[in-house]
Structures are given as C-alpha cells and as structure tokens.
Amino acid sequence: MGTGHRRFEFHATFSGLDEGLDILHDSVDRLRRATGRGPDDRALMLFETALGEIGSNVLTHGKPAGTERPVEYTLRLDGHGVVASLTDSGPRVHEHLSREMPGHEHEDGRGLAMARSLLDELGYERDGEVNRWKLVKRL
C-alpha cells in the first residue's frame, strides 16, 4: 500500500526513559494502524528498532545533568516513507556517522551503527545548544 495518499503526524514531548520508549513504540503502532500495515511489515519493524535505539540514546544521554528539559519528538509520513525527528539538549555527539560496529567483546556503542544500517537515512546536526536527529525509512 502506498503511503503518499494518507496523512499522519504525531508529536510528543517526554523526559523519562520508560515513558519515552513507550511513546515511541505507541507512535509506530498508531502509524501502522493509520496506514493499514500489519505487525509483520518489515520496513516498519526495522524503522521501529532503529527508533528505539536512537530514542534510548537520546533519553539516556540527551539531557544535561540536573535538567528536566524534555525531548521533542515528531513522527510523520513524508511521500513514500516515514520520518522521525528527535530534539534534545544534551552534549554534542561526535563521529556518529562514521562510528563502526564495535567488536563482539564490547557491549556498548552498537546502537548508532545498527540504526544506520536499518534506516535509509540517519541525520544529525548540532543547532545551537540542541541536538537534532532525523530518521528516515522508505516504506
């Protein structure tokens, strides 16, 4: 089913890890229902996995110590794909696009490399004091 004929947009703000991950997964479920895609839709499963990885990183590292500034999140259909954006006020992220998958002996550092491999586009920019993430997956 083509997604270009349907409109879908979801916005949320959140601060906590559990709350944020629940909202991210719920938004993908809403998108799935709005577009008539089943739970076994491979493109959405890959997108949701990448979104969970990036969202977890943002919620874990995206707030300066002692602040309660929320993460801003948007999920929308764009042409024949899905686009998510996450904005946080954490420290600048370095070398995210070139970071390789760590060896099997390392437990940390896999999320960005995995998300990059699952998405059609993973964008990041530092805009003043905020990080802006963009995740794109063709459906």
N, C-alpha and C. Protein backbone atom coordinates (compact mmCIF):
# COMPACT_ATOMS: atom_id res chain seq x y z
N MET A 1 0.86 -1.18 0.00
CA MET A 1 0.00 0.00 0.00
C MET A 1 0.89 1.24 0.00
N GLY A 2 0.67 2.16 -0.88
CA GLY A 2 1.43 3.40 -0.91
C GLY A 2 1.03 4.29 0.25
N THR A 3 1.99 4.99 0.80
CA THR A 3 1.71 5.85 1.94
C THR A 3 1.54 7.30 1.55
N GLY A 4 1.74 7.64 0.26
CA GLY A 4 1.69 9.02 -0.15
C GLY A 4 0.30 9.63 -0.09
N HIS A 5 -0.75 8.82 -0.05
CA HIS A 5 -2.10 9.35 -0.07
C HIS A 5 -2.68 9.55 1.33
N ARG A 6 -2.02 9.11 2.33
CA ARG A 6 -2.52 9.24 3.70
C ARG A 6 -1.67 10.25 4.46
N ARG A 7 -2.32 10.96 5.35
CA ARG A 7 -1.59 11.91 6.19
C ARG A 7 -1.49 11.33 7.58
N PHE A 8 -0.33 11.46 8.17
CA PHE A 8 -0.14 11.01 9.54
C PHE A 8 0.94 11.89 10.14
N GLU A 9 0.66 12.39 11.33
CA GLU A 9 1.66 13.15 12.07
C GLU A 9 1.39 12.97 13.56
N PHE A 10 2.46 12.78 14.30
CA PHE A 10 2.39 12.54 15.74
C PHE A 10 3.45 13.41 16.40
N HIS A 11 3.07 14.09 17.49
CA HIS A 11 4.01 14.94 18.24
C HIS A 11 3.94 14.57 19.72
N ALA A 12 5.09 14.62 20.39
CA ALA A 12 5.11 14.36 21.84
C ALA A 12 6.37 14.98 22.43
N THR A 13 6.32 15.22 23.72
CA THR A 13 7.50 15.59 24.49
C THR A 13 7.54 14.64 25.68
N PHE A 14 8.75 14.28 26.09
CA PHE A 14 8.90 13.36 27.21
C PHE A 14 10.30 13.49 27.79
N SER A 15 10.47 13.01 29.01
CA SER A 15 11.76 13.12 29.69
C SER A 15 12.31 11.78 30.17
N GLY A 16 11.44 10.89 30.63
CA GLY A 16 11.90 9.64 31.21
C GLY A 16 12.11 8.56 30.17
N LEU A 17 13.04 7.65 30.44
CA LEU A 17 13.36 6.58 29.52
C LEU A 17 12.17 5.66 29.26
N ASP A 18 11.56 5.14 30.32
CA ASP A 18 10.43 4.21 30.14
C ASP A 18 9.26 4.90 29.44
N GLU A 19 8.91 6.10 29.90
CA GLU A 19 7.82 6.85 29.29
C GLU A 19 8.12 7.13 27.82
N GLY A 20 9.34 7.57 27.55
CA GLY A 20 9.71 7.92 26.18
C GLY A 20 9.68 6.73 25.25
N LEU A 21 10.22 5.59 25.68
CA LEU A 21 10.20 4.40 24.82
C LEU A 21 8.78 3.92 24.57
N ASP A 22 7.92 4.01 25.60
CA ASP A 22 6.51 3.64 25.41
C ASP A 22 5.86 4.54 24.36
N ILE A 23 6.14 5.84 24.42
CA ILE A 23 5.56 6.79 23.46
C ILE A 23 6.08 6.51 22.05
N LEU A 24 7.37 6.24 21.91
CA LEU A 24 7.93 5.95 20.59
C LEU A 24 7.25 4.72 19.97
N HIS A 25 7.15 3.64 20.75
CA HIS A 25 6.52 2.42 20.23
C HIS A 25 5.04 2.63 19.95
N ASP A 26 4.35 3.37 20.80
CA ASP A 26 2.94 3.66 20.58
C ASP A 26 2.75 4.46 19.29
N SER A 27 3.65 5.39 19.02
CA SER A 27 3.51 6.21 17.81
C SER A 27 3.64 5.34 16.55
N VAL A 28 4.53 4.36 16.58
CA VAL A 28 4.68 3.47 15.42
C VAL A 28 3.44 2.59 15.28
N ASP A 29 2.88 2.14 16.40
CA ASP A 29 1.62 1.38 16.34
C ASP A 29 0.51 2.22 15.73
N ARG A 30 0.43 3.49 16.09
CA ARG A 30 -0.59 4.38 15.51
C ARG A 30 -0.37 4.55 14.01
N LEU A 31 0.89 4.70 13.62
CA LEU A 31 1.21 4.82 12.20
C LEU A 31 0.81 3.54 11.46
N ARG A 32 1.12 2.42 12.05
CA ARG A 32 0.78 1.13 11.45
C ARG A 32 -0.74 1.03 11.20
N ARG A 33 -1.52 1.39 12.20
CA ARG A 33 -2.98 1.35 12.07
C ARG A 33 -3.46 2.36 11.03
N ALA A 34 -2.89 3.56 11.03
CA ALA A 34 -3.33 4.62 10.11
C ALA A 34 -3.05 4.27 8.65
N THR A 35 -2.02 3.48 8.42
CA THR A 35 -1.64 3.14 7.05
C THR A 35 -2.12 1.75 6.65
N GLY A 36 -2.73 1.01 7.57
CA GLY A 36 -3.22 -0.33 7.26
C GLY A 36 -2.12 -1.36 7.13
N ARG A 37 -0.96 -1.08 7.68
CA ARG A 37 0.15 -2.03 7.61
C ARG A 37 0.06 -3.01 8.79
N GLY A 38 0.42 -4.24 8.54
CA GLY A 38 0.34 -5.27 9.57
C GLY A 38 1.55 -5.26 10.50
N PRO A 39 1.45 -6.03 11.59
CA PRO A 39 2.55 -6.11 12.55
C PRO A 39 3.80 -6.76 11.98
N ASP A 40 3.67 -7.45 10.85
CA ASP A 40 4.82 -8.12 10.24
C ASP A 40 5.43 -7.30 9.09
N ASP A 41 5.06 -6.03 8.98
CA ASP A 41 5.61 -5.16 7.94
C ASP A 41 7.09 -4.93 8.23
N ARG A 42 7.94 -5.49 7.38
CA ARG A 42 9.40 -5.48 7.62
C ARG A 42 9.98 -4.07 7.72
N ALA A 43 9.58 -3.18 6.82
CA ALA A 43 10.14 -1.82 6.83
C ALA A 43 9.81 -1.12 8.15
N LEU A 44 8.59 -1.26 8.63
CA LEU A 44 8.23 -0.63 9.90
C LEU A 44 8.92 -1.29 11.09
N MET A 45 9.13 -2.61 11.02
CA MET A 45 9.86 -3.27 12.11
C MET A 45 11.30 -2.76 12.18
N LEU A 46 11.95 -2.62 11.03
CA LEU A 46 13.33 -2.11 11.02
C LEU A 46 13.37 -0.67 11.51
N PHE A 47 12.41 0.13 11.05
CA PHE A 47 12.34 1.52 11.49
C PHE A 47 12.13 1.60 13.01
N GLU A 48 11.21 0.81 13.54
CA GLU A 48 10.91 0.84 14.97
C GLU A 48 12.12 0.42 15.80
N THR A 49 12.89 -0.55 15.31
CA THR A 49 14.10 -0.98 16.01
C THR A 49 15.11 0.17 16.06
N ALA A 50 15.32 0.82 14.92
CA ALA A 50 16.26 1.95 14.87
C ALA A 50 15.78 3.10 15.74
N LEU A 51 14.48 3.38 15.70
CA LEU A 51 13.91 4.46 16.52
C LEU A 51 14.12 4.16 18.01
N GLY A 52 13.93 2.93 18.41
CA GLY A 52 14.16 2.55 19.81
C GLY A 52 15.61 2.75 20.22
N GLU A 53 16.54 2.41 19.33
CA GLU A 53 17.98 2.58 19.63
C GLU A 53 18.34 4.06 19.78
N ILE A 54 17.94 4.86 18.80
CA ILE A 54 18.27 6.29 18.84
C ILE A 54 17.52 6.95 20.00
N GLY A 55 16.24 6.60 20.16
CA GLY A 55 15.46 7.16 21.27
C GLY A 55 16.06 6.84 22.62
N SER A 56 16.52 5.62 22.79
CA SER A 56 17.15 5.22 24.05
C SER A 56 18.42 6.03 24.31
N ASN A 57 19.23 6.23 23.26
CA ASN A 57 20.45 7.05 23.41
C ASN A 57 20.10 8.49 23.77
N VAL A 58 19.12 9.04 23.08
CA VAL A 58 18.71 10.43 23.34
C VAL A 58 18.20 10.56 24.78
N LEU A 59 17.39 9.62 25.21
CA LEU A 59 16.82 9.69 26.56
C LEU A 59 17.85 9.41 27.64
N THR A 60 18.88 8.67 27.32
CA THR A 60 19.92 8.35 28.29
C THR A 60 20.98 9.46 28.37
N HIS A 61 21.36 10.00 27.20
CA HIS A 61 22.47 10.95 27.14
C HIS A 61 22.06 12.36 26.74
N GLY A 62 20.79 12.56 26.39
CA GLY A 62 20.37 13.81 25.80
C GLY A 62 19.90 14.90 26.73
N LYS A 63 20.19 14.77 28.02
CA LYS A 63 19.80 15.83 28.95
C LYS A 63 21.02 16.20 29.78
N PRO A 64 21.33 17.50 29.84
CA PRO A 64 22.41 17.90 30.73
C PRO A 64 22.07 17.52 32.18
N ALA A 65 23.07 17.16 32.94
CA ALA A 65 22.86 16.75 34.33
C ALA A 65 22.08 17.82 35.09
N GLY A 66 21.09 17.38 35.84
CA GLY A 66 20.32 18.28 36.68
C GLY A 66 19.23 19.05 35.97
N THR A 67 18.99 18.78 34.70
CA THR A 67 17.93 19.49 33.99
C THR A 67 16.77 18.55 33.71
N GLU A 68 15.65 19.14 33.45
CA GLU A 68 14.46 18.37 33.11
C GLU A 68 13.92 18.80 31.74
N ARG A 69 14.77 19.30 30.88
CA ARG A 69 14.33 19.70 29.55
C ARG A 69 13.88 18.48 28.78
N PRO A 70 12.66 18.48 28.28
CA PRO A 70 12.15 17.28 27.61
C PRO A 70 12.73 17.11 26.21
N VAL A 71 12.61 15.89 25.74
CA VAL A 71 12.93 15.56 24.36
C VAL A 71 11.68 15.88 23.54
N GLU A 72 11.88 16.50 22.40
CA GLU A 72 10.77 16.77 21.48
C GLU A 72 10.82 15.73 20.37
N TYR A 73 9.65 15.18 20.04
CA TYR A 73 9.57 14.08 19.09
C TYR A 73 8.44 14.31 18.10
N THR A 74 8.73 14.03 16.82
CA THR A 74 7.72 14.08 15.77
C THR A 74 7.89 12.86 14.88
N LEU A 75 6.76 12.26 14.51
CA LEU A 75 6.74 11.15 13.56
C LEU A 75 5.72 11.50 12.49
N ARG A 76 6.11 11.37 11.21
CA ARG A 76 5.18 11.72 10.14
C ARG A 76 5.48 10.90 8.90
N LEU A 77 4.45 10.81 8.06
CA LEU A 77 4.62 10.25 6.73
C LEU A 77 5.11 11.37 5.84
N ASP A 78 6.03 11.04 4.94
CA ASP A 78 6.59 12.01 4.02
C ASP A 78 6.76 11.32 2.67
N GLY A 79 5.84 11.56 1.76
CA GLY A 79 5.90 10.87 0.47
C GLY A 79 5.68 9.38 0.67
N HIS A 80 6.69 8.59 0.34
CA HIS A 80 6.58 7.14 0.48
C HIS A 80 7.45 6.62 1.61
N GLY A 81 7.60 7.40 2.66
CA GLY A 81 8.43 6.98 3.78
C GLY A 81 7.95 7.57 5.08
N VAL A 82 8.61 7.16 6.12
CA VAL A 82 8.32 7.64 7.45
C VAL A 82 9.55 8.41 7.94
N VAL A 83 9.29 9.53 8.62
CA VAL A 83 10.35 10.40 9.11
C VAL A 83 10.10 10.67 10.59
N ALA A 84 11.12 10.44 11.40
CA ALA A 84 11.05 10.78 12.82
C ALA A 84 12.11 11.82 13.10
N SER A 85 11.78 12.75 13.98
CA SER A 85 12.78 13.70 14.44
C SER A 85 12.75 13.75 15.96
N LEU A 86 13.93 13.81 16.53
CA LEU A 86 14.11 13.90 17.98
C LEU A 86 15.04 15.07 18.24
N THR A 87 14.67 15.92 19.18
CA THR A 87 15.49 17.07 19.55
C THR A 87 15.76 17.00 21.04
N ASP A 88 17.04 17.11 21.41
CA ASP A 88 17.41 17.06 22.82
C ASP A 88 18.44 18.14 23.13
N SER A 89 18.64 18.40 24.41
CA SER A 89 19.55 19.46 24.84
C SER A 89 20.83 18.90 25.46
N GLY A 90 21.18 17.69 25.10
CA GLY A 90 22.39 17.07 25.64
C GLY A 90 23.65 17.57 24.97
N PRO A 91 24.77 16.96 25.35
CA PRO A 91 26.05 17.36 24.75
C PRO A 91 26.11 16.97 23.28
N ARG A 92 26.99 17.62 22.55
CA ARG A 92 27.21 17.34 21.13
C ARG A 92 27.63 15.88 20.98
N VAL A 93 27.14 15.24 19.93
CA VAL A 93 27.51 13.87 19.62
C VAL A 93 28.60 13.91 18.56
N HIS A 94 29.70 13.22 18.81
CA HIS A 94 30.84 13.24 17.90
C HIS A 94 30.91 11.96 17.08
N GLU A 95 31.27 12.09 15.84
CA GLU A 95 31.57 10.97 14.94
C GLU A 95 30.44 9.96 14.82
N HIS A 96 29.21 10.37 14.95
CA HIS A 96 28.12 9.39 14.91
C HIS A 96 27.97 8.73 13.54
N LEU A 97 28.24 9.44 12.46
CA LEU A 97 28.03 8.87 11.14
C LEU A 97 29.13 7.92 10.72
N SER A 98 30.32 8.06 11.30
CA SER A 98 31.43 7.20 10.89
C SER A 98 31.74 6.10 11.90
N ARG A 99 31.05 6.07 12.99
CA ARG A 99 31.32 5.07 14.03
C ARG A 99 31.00 3.67 13.51
N GLU A 100 31.97 2.78 13.62
CA GLU A 100 31.80 1.39 13.17
C GLU A 100 31.14 0.57 14.27
N MET A 101 30.60 -0.58 13.87
CA MET A 101 30.05 -1.51 14.84
C MET A 101 31.21 -2.06 15.67
N PRO A 102 31.12 -1.95 17.00
CA PRO A 102 32.21 -2.47 17.84
C PRO A 102 32.29 -3.98 17.76
N GLY A 103 33.43 -4.51 18.15
CA GLY A 103 33.64 -5.95 18.17
C GLY A 103 32.69 -6.64 19.14
N HIS A 104 32.56 -7.94 18.98
CA HIS A 104 31.63 -8.71 19.81
C HIS A 104 31.96 -8.67 21.30
N GLU A 105 33.19 -8.33 21.64
CA GLU A 105 33.58 -8.27 23.05
C GLU A 105 33.09 -7.00 23.75
N HIS A 106 32.58 -6.03 22.99
CA HIS A 106 32.09 -4.77 23.55
C HIS A 106 30.57 -4.79 23.63
N GLU A 107 30.04 -4.37 24.76
CA GLU A 107 28.59 -4.34 24.93
C GLU A 107 28.00 -3.00 24.53
N ASP A 108 28.75 -1.92 24.62
CA ASP A 108 28.25 -0.58 24.33
C ASP A 108 28.63 -0.16 22.92
N GLY A 109 27.94 0.88 22.43
CA GLY A 109 28.32 1.50 21.17
C GLY A 109 27.74 0.89 19.93
N ARG A 110 26.75 0.03 20.06
CA ARG A 110 26.17 -0.64 18.90
C ARG A 110 24.97 0.10 18.31
N GLY A 111 24.28 0.89 19.12
CA GLY A 111 23.01 1.48 18.71
C GLY A 111 23.10 2.34 17.46
N LEU A 112 24.05 3.25 17.39
CA LEU A 112 24.16 4.14 16.23
C LEU A 112 24.50 3.36 14.96
N ALA A 113 25.46 2.44 15.07
CA ALA A 113 25.85 1.66 13.90
C ALA A 113 24.69 0.80 13.43
N MET A 114 23.96 0.20 14.35
CA MET A 114 22.82 -0.62 13.98
C MET A 114 21.72 0.23 13.34
N ALA A 115 21.40 1.36 13.94
CA ALA A 115 20.36 2.24 13.40
C ALA A 115 20.73 2.69 11.99
N ARG A 116 21.98 3.04 11.79
CA ARG A 116 22.44 3.47 10.46
C ARG A 116 22.21 2.38 9.42
N SER A 117 22.42 1.12 9.82
CA SER A 117 22.26 0.02 8.87
C SER A 117 20.78 -0.30 8.59
N LEU A 118 19.87 0.06 9.50
CA LEU A 118 18.45 -0.27 9.36
C LEU A 118 17.66 0.81 8.63
N LEU A 119 18.19 2.03 8.60
CA LEU A 119 17.48 3.17 8.03
C LEU A 119 17.98 3.51 6.64
N ASP A 120 17.18 4.25 5.90
CA ASP A 120 17.63 4.80 4.63
C ASP A 120 18.43 6.07 4.85
N GLU A 121 18.15 6.74 5.96
CA GLU A 121 18.89 7.97 6.30
C GLU A 121 18.88 8.15 7.81
N LEU A 122 20.04 8.45 8.36
CA LEU A 122 20.16 8.85 9.76
C LEU A 122 20.92 10.16 9.77
N GLY A 123 20.22 11.23 10.11
CA GLY A 123 20.83 12.54 10.12
C GLY A 123 21.00 13.07 11.52
N TYR A 124 22.04 13.86 11.70
CA TYR A 124 22.30 14.50 12.99
C TYR A 124 22.90 15.87 12.72
N GLU A 125 22.45 16.87 13.49
CA GLU A 125 23.10 18.17 13.44
C GLU A 125 23.01 18.82 14.80
N ARG A 126 24.00 19.62 15.09
CA ARG A 126 24.01 20.42 16.31
C ARG A 126 23.52 21.79 15.90
N ASP A 127 22.44 22.24 16.53
CA ASP A 127 21.83 23.53 16.22
C ASP A 127 21.85 24.36 17.50
N GLY A 128 22.85 25.20 17.65
CA GLY A 128 23.00 25.98 18.88
C GLY A 128 23.28 25.06 20.05
N GLU A 129 22.35 24.98 20.98
CA GLU A 129 22.53 24.16 22.18
C GLU A 129 21.72 22.86 22.13
N VAL A 130 21.21 22.50 20.95
CA VAL A 130 20.40 21.28 20.86
C VAL A 130 20.93 20.34 19.78
N ASN A 131 20.65 19.06 19.98
CA ASN A 131 20.93 18.02 19.00
C ASN A 131 19.64 17.74 18.25
N ARG A 132 19.74 17.61 16.94
CA ARG A 132 18.57 17.28 16.11
C ARG A 132 18.88 16.00 15.35
N TRP A 133 18.06 14.99 15.56
CA TRP A 133 18.18 13.70 14.91
C TRP A 133 17.06 13.54 13.89
N LYS A 134 17.36 12.97 12.74
CA LYS A 134 16.35 12.69 11.72
C LYS A 134 16.54 11.25 11.25
N LEU A 135 15.47 10.48 11.34
CA LEU A 135 15.47 9.07 10.94
C LEU A 135 14.49 8.92 9.79
N VAL A 136 14.92 8.31 8.69
CA VAL A 136 14.09 8.15 7.51
C VAL A 136 14.12 6.69 7.05
N LYS A 137 12.93 6.16 6.76
CA LYS A 137 12.81 4.80 6.21
C LYS A 137 11.77 4.81 5.12
N ARG A 138 12.14 4.36 3.91
CA ARG A 138 11.16 4.20 2.84
C ARG A 138 10.26 3.02 3.15
N LEU A 139 8.98 3.18 2.88
CA LEU A 139 8.01 2.11 3.15
C LEU A 139 7.54 1.46 1.86
